[in-house]
């Protein structure tokens, strides 16, 4: 009888450990979203650097540079705020 009880507890514990949990999936989804936000932020910062380099090299005017920065600013602000909502470092 004890062996049957032991086997039942062992089976239940194995099933609990082996089955994926919703918390794990939710944590993975959050980490995936954070990684995407970091990637999006890196692309926006690269675009801003490109604008600066193009303006310094004379390929675009200062007005074009300012317009480009104004266009990218809201996107960068949005991404930064979403990262801060997840307590992520945005430096």
Protein backbone atom coordinates (compact mmCIF):
# COMPACT_ATOMS: atom_id res chain seq x y z
CA UNK A 1 0.00 0.00 0.00
CA UNK A 2 2.81 2.42 0.82
CA UNK A 3 4.39 1.74 -2.56
CA UNK A 4 1.15 2.64 -4.35
CA UNK A 5 0.88 5.89 -2.40
CA UNK A 6 4.57 6.65 -3.08
CA UNK A 7 4.07 5.92 -6.80
CA UNK A 8 1.01 8.20 -6.94
CA UNK A 9 2.88 11.06 -5.25
CA UNK A 10 5.88 10.52 -7.53
CA UNK A 11 3.65 10.54 -10.61
CA UNK A 12 1.89 13.72 -9.48
CA UNK A 13 5.21 15.44 -8.74
CA UNK A 14 6.63 14.40 -12.11
CA UNK A 15 3.58 15.72 -13.94
CA UNK A 16 3.73 19.01 -12.03
CA UNK A 17 7.40 19.53 -12.82
CA UNK A 18 7.25 18.36 -16.44
CA UNK A 19 4.17 20.25 -17.59
CA UNK A 20 4.70 23.81 -18.76
CA UNK A 21 3.24 26.42 -16.48
CA UNK A 22 1.40 29.52 -17.54
CA UNK A 23 3.67 31.67 -15.38
CA UNK A 24 6.71 30.41 -17.28
CA UNK A 25 5.05 31.16 -20.61
CA UNK A 26 4.00 34.62 -19.43
CA UNK A 27 7.53 35.36 -18.21
CA UNK A 28 8.91 34.20 -21.56
CA UNK A 29 6.43 36.42 -23.41
CA UNK A 30 7.44 39.43 -21.29
CA UNK A 31 11.15 38.77 -21.86
CA UNK A 32 10.50 38.43 -25.59
CA UNK A 33 8.61 41.73 -25.64
CA UNK A 34 11.42 43.44 -23.72
CA UNK A 35 13.99 42.09 -26.16
CA UNK A 36 11.93 43.43 -29.07
CA UNK A 37 11.72 46.83 -27.39
CA UNK A 38 15.49 46.90 -26.90
CA UNK A 39 15.94 46.04 -30.59
CA UNK A 40 13.50 48.73 -31.67
CA UNK A 41 15.25 51.28 -29.45
CA UNK A 42 18.63 50.35 -30.92
CA UNK A 43 17.28 50.84 -34.46
CA UNK A 44 15.86 54.26 -33.60
CA UNK A 45 19.13 55.35 -31.99
CA UNK A 46 21.05 54.14 -35.06
CA UNK A 47 18.72 56.16 -37.30
CA UNK A 48 19.35 59.23 -35.15
CA UNK A 49 23.12 58.71 -35.42
CA UNK A 50 22.78 58.32 -39.19
CA UNK A 51 20.93 61.63 -39.37
CA UNK A 52 23.70 63.33 -37.41
CA UNK A 53 26.41 61.77 -39.59
CA UNK A 54 24.59 62.70 -42.79
CA UNK A 55 24.18 66.29 -41.61
CA UNK A 56 27.84 66.51 -40.57
CA UNK A 57 28.93 65.13 -43.96
CA UNK A 58 26.70 67.58 -45.82
CA UNK A 59 24.48 64.93 -47.39
CA UNK A 60 21.36 66.46 -45.81
CA UNK A 61 20.50 69.94 -44.63
CA UNK A 62 20.18 70.96 -41.00
CA UNK A 63 16.42 71.34 -41.55
CA UNK A 64 16.20 67.77 -42.87
CA UNK A 65 18.14 66.57 -39.84
CA UNK A 66 15.82 68.42 -37.47
CA UNK A 67 12.74 67.08 -39.27
CA UNK A 68 14.09 63.54 -39.08
CA UNK A 69 14.83 63.88 -35.38
CA UNK A 70 11.34 65.28 -34.76
CA UNK A 71 9.84 62.32 -36.62
CA UNK A 72 11.86 59.76 -34.62
CA UNK A 73 11.47 61.47 -31.24
CA UNK A 74 7.96 60.23 -30.42
CA UNK A 75 8.89 56.64 -31.31
CA UNK A 76 11.97 56.76 -29.09
CA UNK A 77 9.97 58.27 -26.25
CA UNK A 78 7.28 55.57 -26.57
CA UNK A 79 9.80 52.72 -26.59
CA UNK A 80 11.71 54.22 -23.66
CA UNK A 81 8.54 54.61 -21.61
CA UNK A 82 7.51 51.01 -22.32
CA UNK A 83 10.96 49.78 -21.25
CA UNK A 84 10.78 51.84 -18.06
CA UNK A 85 7.37 50.31 -17.36
CA UNK A 86 9.22 46.97 -17.23
CA UNK A 87 11.94 48.49 -15.00
CA UNK A 88 14.49 48.16 -17.78
CA UNK A 89 17.61 50.28 -17.98
CA UNK A 90 17.46 52.66 -20.94
CA UNK A 91 20.99 54.03 -20.84
